[in-house]
Protein backbone atom coordinates (compact mmCIF):
# COMPACT_ATOMS: atom_id res chain seq x y z
CA UNK A 1 0.00 0.00 0.00
CA UNK A 2 1.37 3.48 -0.93
CA UNK A 3 2.13 6.28 1.53
CA UNK A 4 -0.67 8.28 -0.11
CA UNK A 5 -3.16 5.48 0.56
CA UNK A 6 -2.03 5.22 4.18
CA UNK A 7 -2.44 8.96 4.69
CA UNK A 8 -5.85 8.88 3.00
CA UNK A 9 -7.02 5.99 5.20
CA UNK A 10 -5.77 7.74 8.35
CA UNK A 11 -7.51 10.98 7.40
CA UNK A 12 -10.73 9.07 6.74
CA UNK A 13 -10.49 7.29 10.10
CA UNK A 14 -9.92 10.56 11.97
CA UNK A 15 -12.80 12.21 10.14
CA UNK A 16 -15.20 9.34 10.77
CA UNK A 17 -14.28 8.86 14.43
CA UNK A 18 -13.85 12.42 15.64
CA UNK A 19 -15.43 15.02 13.33
CA UNK A 20 -18.28 17.18 14.62
CA UNK A 21 -21.87 16.66 13.44
CA UNK A 22 -22.50 18.21 10.01
CA UNK A 23 -25.31 20.70 9.43
CA UNK A 24 -27.57 19.57 6.59
CA UNK A 25 -30.54 21.93 7.01
CA UNK A 26 -31.25 24.78 9.45
CA UNK A 27 -34.81 25.76 8.62
CA UNK A 28 -36.81 23.86 11.24
CA UNK A 29 -38.06 24.81 14.68
CA UNK A 30 -36.86 21.51 16.17
CA UNK A 31 -33.49 19.83 15.76
CA UNK A 32 -32.63 16.19 14.96
CA UNK A 33 -29.26 14.43 15.01
CA UNK A 34 -29.00 11.54 12.54
CA UNK A 35 -26.40 8.96 13.57
CA UNK A 36 -25.77 7.03 10.36
CA UNK A 37 -23.33 7.86 7.53
CA UNK A 38 -22.02 11.31 6.56
CA UNK A 39 -20.46 10.68 3.15
CA UNK A 40 -23.66 11.40 1.14
CA UNK A 41 -23.66 14.95 2.49
CA UNK A 42 -20.11 16.08 1.70
CA UNK A 43 -19.94 14.82 -1.88
CA UNK A 44 -22.87 15.60 -4.14
CA UNK A 45 -21.14 14.02 -7.17
CA UNK A 46 -20.28 10.71 -5.51
CA UNK A 47 -21.46 7.65 -7.43
CA UNK A 48 -24.17 5.61 -5.72
CA UNK A 49 -23.05 2.04 -5.13
CA UNK A 50 -25.19 1.14 -2.11
CA UNK A 51 -28.71 1.84 -0.91
CA UNK A 52 -27.39 3.33 2.36
CA UNK A 53 -26.47 6.47 0.39
CA UNK A 54 -30.11 6.82 -0.65
CA UNK A 55 -31.37 5.91 2.83
CA UNK A 56 -29.29 8.73 4.32
CA UNK A 57 -30.81 11.25 1.92
CA UNK A 58 -34.32 9.88 2.52
CA UNK A 59 -33.97 10.20 6.30
CA UNK A 60 -32.56 13.72 6.08
CA UNK A 61 -35.18 14.97 3.61
CA UNK A 62 -38.02 13.38 5.60
CA UNK A 63 -37.06 15.25 8.76
CA UNK A 64 -36.54 18.49 6.82
CA UNK A 65 -40.00 18.16 5.29
CA UNK A 66 -41.44 17.62 8.77
CA UNK A 67 -39.98 20.90 10.04
CA UNK A 68 -36.69 19.81 11.61
CA UNK A 69 -33.24 21.29 11.35
CA UNK A 70 -30.97 18.35 10.55
CA UNK A 71 -27.42 17.46 11.57
CA UNK A 72 -25.62 14.22 10.69
CA UNK A 73 -22.86 12.35 12.52
CA UNK A 74 -21.15 9.10 11.54
CA UNK A 75 -22.39 6.10 13.51
CA UNK A 76 -18.76 5.20 14.34
CA UNK A 77 -17.99 8.61 15.84
CA UNK A 78 -16.42 8.47 19.30
CA UNK A 79 -16.31 12.21 19.90
CA UNK A 80 -18.24 13.63 22.86
CA UNK A 81 -21.43 15.27 21.61
CA UNK A 82 -23.62 17.81 23.40
CA UNK A 83 -26.99 16.06 23.06
CA UNK A 84 -28.74 18.89 24.92
CA UNK A 85 -28.78 20.77 21.60
CA UNK A 86 -31.20 18.29 20.04
CA UNK A 87 -34.85 17.39 20.38
CA UNK A 88 -34.48 13.96 18.75
CA UNK A 89 -31.80 11.47 17.71
CA UNK A 90 -32.33 8.93 14.90
CA UNK A 91 -30.06 6.04 13.94
CA UNK A 92 -27.68 3.68 15.70
CA UNK A 93 -23.99 3.30 16.60
CA UNK A 94 -21.76 4.93 19.20
CA UNK A 95 -23.37 8.41 19.28
CA UNK A 96 -26.83 6.88 19.59
CA UNK A 97 -25.67 4.62 22.42
CA UNK A 98 -24.10 7.59 24.23
CA UNK A 99 -27.39 9.51 24.03
CA UNK A 100 -29.51 6.95 25.86
CA UNK A 101 -29.04 8.57 29.29
CA UNK A 102 -30.41 11.94 28.08
CA UNK A 103 -34.01 11.63 29.28
CA UNK A 104 -35.54 14.61 27.48
CA UNK A 105 -34.16 13.45 24.08
CA UNK A 106 -36.59 11.43 21.96
CA UNK A 107 -34.80 8.40 20.50
CA UNK A 108 -35.68 6.49 17.32
CA UNK A 109 -33.38 3.52 16.75
CA UNK A 110 -32.88 2.67 13.06
CA UNK A 111 -31.38 -0.71 12.16
CA UNK A 112 -30.64 -1.89 8.63
CA UNK A 113 -31.13 -5.63 8.86
CA UNK A 114 -32.26 -8.53 10.99
CA UNK A 115 -31.52 -8.76 14.69
CA UNK A 116 -27.68 -9.07 14.84
CA UNK A 117 -28.01 -11.93 17.31
CA UNK A 118 -30.06 -13.77 14.68
CA UNK A 119 -27.60 -12.92 11.88
CA UNK A 120 -24.56 -13.93 13.92
CA UNK A 121 -26.16 -17.26 14.81
CA UNK A 122 -27.17 -17.98 11.22
CA UNK A 123 -23.66 -17.28 9.93
CA UNK A 124 -22.19 -19.50 12.67
CA UNK A 125 -24.56 -22.30 11.65
CA UNK A 126 -23.56 -21.98 8.00
CA UNK A 127 -19.84 -22.07 8.97
CA UNK A 128 -20.49 -25.14 11.16
CA UNK A 129 -22.34 -26.99 8.40
CA UNK A 130 -19.60 -26.17 5.88
CA UNK A 131 -16.93 -27.48 8.26
CA UNK A 132 -18.90 -30.67 8.95
CA UNK A 133 -19.14 -31.35 5.21
CA UNK A 134 -15.72 -30.24 3.96
CA UNK A 135 -13.49 -30.11 7.07
CA UNK A 136 -12.73 -26.43 6.46
CA UNK A 137 -13.49 -23.62 8.93
CA UNK A 138 -14.26 -20.44 7.01
CA UNK A 139 -13.72 -17.01 8.56
CA UNK A 140 -16.89 -15.15 9.68
CA UNK A 141 -17.44 -12.12 7.44
CA UNK A 142 -20.64 -10.54 8.73
CA UNK A 143 -20.41 -10.70 12.53
CA UNK A 144 -22.04 -7.64 14.14
CA UNK A 145 -21.24 -6.51 17.65
CA UNK A 146 -22.17 -2.83 17.65
CA UNK A 147 -23.71 -1.51 20.90
CA UNK A 148 -27.09 -2.03 19.35
CA UNK A 149 -29.09 -4.18 21.80
CA UNK A 150 -29.29 -1.61 24.59
CA UNK A 151 -30.36 0.98 21.99
CA UNK A 152 -32.97 -1.30 20.40
CA UNK A 153 -34.57 -2.09 23.74
CA UNK A 154 -34.43 1.34 25.36
CA UNK A 155 -35.29 3.63 22.44
CA UNK A 156 -38.72 5.21 22.21
CA UNK A 157 -39.20 3.52 18.83
CA UNK A 158 -37.42 0.93 16.69
CA UNK A 159 -37.50 1.08 12.88
CA UNK A 160 -35.83 -1.54 10.70
CA UNK A 161 -35.45 -2.00 6.97
CA UNK A 162 -37.02 -5.09 5.43
CA UNK A 163 -40.40 -6.78 5.91
CA UNK A 164 -42.29 -9.12 8.23
CA UNK A 165 -39.34 -11.53 8.38
CA UNK A 166 -36.88 -8.86 9.51
CA UNK A 167 -39.41 -7.68 12.08
CA UNK A 168 -39.91 -11.21 13.41
CA UNK A 169 -36.24 -11.45 14.42
CA UNK A 170 -36.68 -8.59 16.92
CA UNK A 171 -39.96 -9.67 18.52
CA UNK A 172 -38.20 -11.35 21.44
CA UNK A 173 -36.95 -7.87 22.38
CA UNK A 174 -40.02 -5.71 21.71
CA UNK A 175 -43.37 -6.05 19.98
CA UNK A 176 -43.72 -2.55 18.48
CA UNK A 177 -41.12 -2.83 15.70
CA UNK A 178 -41.80 -0.75 12.58
CA UNK A 179 -40.42 -1.55 9.13
CA UNK A 180 -39.69 0.41 5.97
CA UNK A 181 -38.66 -0.89 2.52
CA UNK A 182 -35.17 -0.46 1.07
CA UNK A 183 -34.76 1.65 -2.09
CA UNK A 184 -33.17 0.10 -5.15
CA UNK A 185 -30.08 1.79 -6.57
CA UNK A 186 -30.94 3.50 -9.89
CA UNK A 187 -28.88 2.55 -12.94
CA UNK A 188 -28.18 4.10 -16.32
CA UNK A 189 -28.48 0.60 -17.77
CA UNK A 190 -31.73 -0.98 -18.94
CA UNK A 191 -33.42 -4.40 -18.93
CA UNK A 192 -32.85 -6.76 -21.82
CA UNK A 193 -35.80 -7.40 -24.12
CA UNK A 194 -34.70 -11.00 -24.69
CA UNK A 195 -35.02 -14.14 -22.56
CA UNK A 196 -31.42 -15.20 -21.95
CA UNK A 197 -30.59 -18.48 -20.23
CA UNK A 198 -28.56 -17.08 -17.37
CA UNK A 199 -28.54 -16.48 -13.60
CA UNK A 200 -26.72 -13.69 -11.78
CA UNK A 201 -25.47 -13.93 -8.18
CA UNK A 202 -25.07 -10.31 -7.09
CA UNK A 203 -24.12 -9.68 -3.47
CA UNK A 204 -21.83 -7.97 -1.00
CA UNK A 205 -19.11 -9.32 1.26
CA UNK A 206 -19.70 -12.68 2.92
CA UNK A 207 -19.93 -15.30 0.17
CA UNK A 208 -20.97 -18.09 2.55
CA UNK A 209 -23.38 -15.81 4.42
CA UNK A 210 -25.06 -14.89 1.14
CA UNK A 211 -25.22 -18.44 -0.16
CA UNK A 212 -22.74 -18.32 -3.03
CA UNK A 213 -21.52 -21.79 -2.02
CA UNK A 214 -25.05 -23.18 -2.31
CA UNK A 215 -25.51 -21.44 -5.65
CA UNK A 216 -22.30 -22.82 -7.15
CA UNK A 217 -22.92 -26.36 -5.90
CA UNK A 218 -26.54 -26.38 -7.08
CA UNK A 219 -25.52 -24.98 -10.45
CA UNK A 220 -22.83 -27.66 -10.87
CA UNK A 221 -25.51 -30.34 -10.44
CA UNK A 222 -27.53 -28.98 -13.36
CA UNK A 223 -27.07 -30.46 -16.79
CA UNK A 224 -28.08 -27.45 -18.84
CA UNK A 225 -26.71 -24.71 -21.07
CA UNK A 226 -27.56 -22.00 -18.55
CA UNK A 227 -24.75 -19.73 -17.34
CA UNK A 228 -23.94 -18.27 -13.91
CA UNK A 229 -22.42 -14.80 -13.46
CA UNK A 230 -20.94 -13.90 -10.05
CA UNK A 231 -20.61 -10.24 -9.07
CA UNK A 232 -19.42 -9.16 -5.63
CA UNK A 233 -16.40 -7.97 -3.60
CA UNK A 234 -15.29 -11.42 -2.48
CA UNK A 235 -11.79 -11.77 -3.97
CA UNK A 236 -10.27 -11.17 -0.52
CA UNK A 237 -12.19 -14.14 0.94
CA UNK A 238 -9.29 -16.41 0.08
CA UNK A 239 -10.51 -19.34 2.19
CA UNK A 240 -13.80 -19.45 0.28
CA UNK A 241 -12.27 -18.67 -3.12
CA UNK A 242 -9.58 -21.29 -2.64
CA UNK A 243 -12.10 -24.02 -1.96
CA UNK A 244 -14.26 -23.15 -5.00
CA UNK A 245 -11.40 -22.21 -7.33
CA UNK A 246 -11.99 -25.07 -9.76
CA UNK A 247 -15.74 -24.49 -9.90
CA UNK A 248 -15.44 -20.74 -10.39
CA UNK A 249 -12.49 -20.47 -12.75
CA UNK A 250 -12.48 -23.77 -14.64
CA UNK A 251 -16.16 -24.16 -15.53
CA UNK A 252 -16.89 -22.39 -18.81
CA UNK A 253 -20.50 -21.80 -17.72
CA UNK A 254 -19.44 -19.78 -14.62
CA UNK A 255 -18.05 -16.24 -14.92
CA UNK A 256 -16.56 -14.26 -12.01
CA UNK A 257 -16.45 -10.47 -12.29
CA UNK A 258 -15.77 -9.05 -8.81
CA UNK A 259 -17.57 -5.88 -7.74
CA UNK A 260 -19.08 -3.85 -10.60
CA UNK A 261 -20.62 -0.42 -11.01
CA UNK A 262 -24.33 -1.06 -11.60
CA UNK A 263 -24.28 1.56 -14.40
CA UNK A 264 -21.16 0.28 -16.20
CA UNK A 265 -21.08 -1.11 -19.73
CA UNK A 266 -19.83 -4.43 -18.37
CA UNK A 267 -22.84 -4.63 -16.06
CA UNK A 268 -25.12 -4.01 -19.03
CA UNK A 269 -23.50 -6.90 -20.90
CA UNK A 270 -24.11 -9.14 -17.85
CA UNK A 271 -27.75 -8.03 -17.59
CA UNK A 272 -28.15 -8.81 -21.30
CA UNK A 273 -27.31 -12.49 -20.75
CA UNK A 274 -29.37 -13.15 -17.60
CA UNK A 275 -33.04 -13.55 -16.77
CA UNK A 276 -32.70 -14.23 -13.02
CA UNK A 277 -30.90 -12.91 -9.95
CA UNK A 278 -30.26 -15.35 -7.08
CA UNK A 279 -29.43 -14.82 -3.40
CA UNK A 280 -29.79 -17.71 -0.91
CA UNK A 281 -28.76 -15.43 1.98
CA UNK A 282 -29.18 -16.42 5.63
CA UNK A 283 -30.06 -12.87 6.77
CA UNK A 284 -30.82 -9.52 5.09
CA UNK A 285 -32.73 -6.34 5.74
CA UNK A 286 -34.30 -6.07 2.31
CA UNK A 287 -31.46 -7.29 0.00
CA UNK A 288 -30.97 -4.06 -1.95
CA UNK A 289 -28.60 -5.85 -4.35
CA UNK A 290 -31.50 -8.06 -5.50
CA UNK A 291 -33.92 -5.13 -5.71
CA UNK A 292 -31.39 -3.22 -7.82
CA UNK A 293 -31.14 -6.15 -10.26
CA UNK A 294 -34.91 -6.50 -10.30
CA UNK A 295 -35.05 -2.90 -11.51
CA UNK A 296 -32.98 -4.13 -14.48
CA UNK A 297 -35.56 -6.76 -15.34
CA UNK A 298 -34.19 -9.79 -13.50
CA UNK A 299 -36.55 -12.18 -11.71
CA UNK A 300 -35.52 -12.94 -8.10
CA UNK A 301 -34.72 -16.42 -6.78
CA UNK A 302 -34.40 -15.70 -3.06
CA UNK A 303 -34.63 -17.11 0.45
CA UNK A 304 -37.24 -15.82 2.87
CA UNK A 305 -34.36 -14.35 4.88
CA UNK A 306 -33.75 -11.83 2.08
CA UNK A 307 -36.89 -10.02 3.34
CA UNK A 308 -38.32 -9.29 -0.10
CA UNK A 309 -42.06 -9.68 -0.60
CA UNK A 310 -42.62 -11.98 -3.58
CA UNK A 311 -45.95 -10.77 -4.96
CA UNK A 312 -47.04 -12.43 -8.24
CA UNK A 313 -43.39 -12.83 -9.18
CA UNK A 314 -40.18 -14.48 -8.10
CA UNK A 315 -39.19 -17.95 -6.98
CA UNK A 316 -38.70 -18.71 -3.27
CA UNK A 317 -35.86 -20.85 -1.93
CA UNK A 318 -37.56 -22.88 0.80
CA UNK A 319 -34.49 -23.92 2.79
CA UNK A 320 -30.80 -23.07 2.65
CA UNK A 321 -29.68 -26.40 1.21
CA UNK A 322 -28.08 -27.31 -2.09
CA UNK A 323 -31.12 -29.39 -3.01
CA UNK A 324 -33.60 -26.58 -2.33
CA UNK A 325 -31.52 -24.07 -4.29
CA UNK A 326 -31.30 -26.57 -7.14
CA UNK A 327 -35.07 -27.08 -7.03
CA UNK A 328 -35.68 -23.33 -7.24
CA UNK A 329 -33.28 -22.93 -10.17
CA UNK A 330 -35.03 -25.77 -11.98
CA UNK A 331 -38.34 -24.03 -11.38
CA UNK A 332 -36.89 -20.88 -12.93
CA UNK A 333 -35.69 -22.83 -15.97
CA UNK A 334 -39.27 -24.01 -16.61
CA UNK A 335 -40.69 -20.48 -17.02
CA UNK A 336 -41.94 -19.74 -20.51
CA UNK A 337 -41.37 -16.41 -22.25
CA UNK A 338 -44.92 -15.27 -21.43
CA UNK A 339 -44.31 -16.06 -17.74
CA UNK A 340 -41.11 -14.05 -17.74
CA UNK A 341 -42.80 -11.09 -19.44
CA UNK A 342 -45.64 -11.17 -16.91
CA UNK A 343 -43.26 -11.32 -13.95
CA UNK A 344 -41.14 -8.46 -15.31
CA UNK A 345 -44.29 -6.35 -15.54
CA UNK A 346 -45.35 -7.22 -11.98
CA UNK A 347 -41.84 -6.49 -10.67
CA UNK A 348 -41.82 -3.06 -12.28
CA UNK A 349 -45.13 -2.16 -10.63
CA UNK A 350 -43.99 -3.58 -7.29
CA UNK A 351 -40.71 -1.65 -7.26
CA UNK A 352 -42.32 1.67 -8.11
CA UNK A 353 -44.98 1.10 -5.48
CA UNK A 354 -42.59 0.24 -2.66
CA UNK A 355 -38.88 0.66 -3.43
CA UNK A 356 -38.22 3.97 -5.23
CA UNK A 357 -36.58 6.88 -3.43
CA UNK A 358 -39.88 8.74 -3.24
CA UNK A 359 -42.04 5.78 -2.18
CA UNK A 360 -39.64 4.86 0.65
CA UNK A 361 -39.47 8.50 1.72
CA UNK A 362 -43.26 8.74 1.81
CA UNK A 363 -43.44 5.60 3.96
CA UNK A 364 -40.83 6.94 6.40
CA UNK A 365 -42.50 10.34 6.62
CA UNK A 366 -45.84 8.71 7.44
CA UNK A 367 -44.22 6.68 10.21
CA UNK A 368 -42.38 9.69 11.63
CA UNK A 369 -45.55 11.82 11.56
CA UNK A 370 -47.34 9.15 13.54
CA UNK A 371 -44.71 8.55 16.21
CA UNK A 372 -43.08 11.94 16.80
């Protein structure tokens, strides 16, 4: 790593951990501190790679519309903050945890996935099962140990991204959990008008957590001319990649691309040769990667844990086993062109009803109006 990169990383760490809250709007009579991510507010030209960028803007604009002045602090910030300045705090992380003793401050905890205890257990179970079958212990990639539980229990309200499944993972802590959908990330690319025989696995870090192993193994069992594209930042997961090296790099039907810009020309070429997006994940808060691919015309093949409502479209993965993933892929292969066209139409209506920037913002504003 170069000296420049080291300096850049150090500057970023100092900024994230110790910078003061940033003023976003100053027009309201009341004042809210959002403890989430700051980067969307200091770079208006930054490319959007993740839904959390959009979520940040949605949260900020919702509070501004409701008459609040808004300040934002990074959820990892360890700097001492004067919470007496604020009427409300929204979010999670260290600043939110530090605010819990301020009695007059209204607190809305915002979590972006299933109960971390649930997620940690599910990843541990997947690692255990993989070791039992192959004798290899993979490194956990998605463990979460933020000071979240105290905040989730002791906040005035708890909002999570996702659906009924995400909500169900918190019900042992409190019964009044509220949920909002996740926005898809817009793309300059467009859906294909053809019916290509391909499946795309599109996910973030944690290949085992997100079921890439199940996808590869199920795909290898299929005797067909379908192809599998793999997109995600998993090159550094050398234990996983080493085990599946032959399957990934020596099977002409499987193509590995790493992480791609959703608006790139290469991504368009991948969309053009796929009809389905698959994610047998063991825990999500709305699987924005799948929603983003659905916006490009792909039909989802997903586990219930992805927390996406399949409504007149999509193919569920019943259990996180190779056989169940294989069964779901086979079901996808049986769809006729008319079925695919119908599902694409239903997906487009579903996304614009629930998962656009404006529809998610409207949902959040309605919740905030009700609870504030």
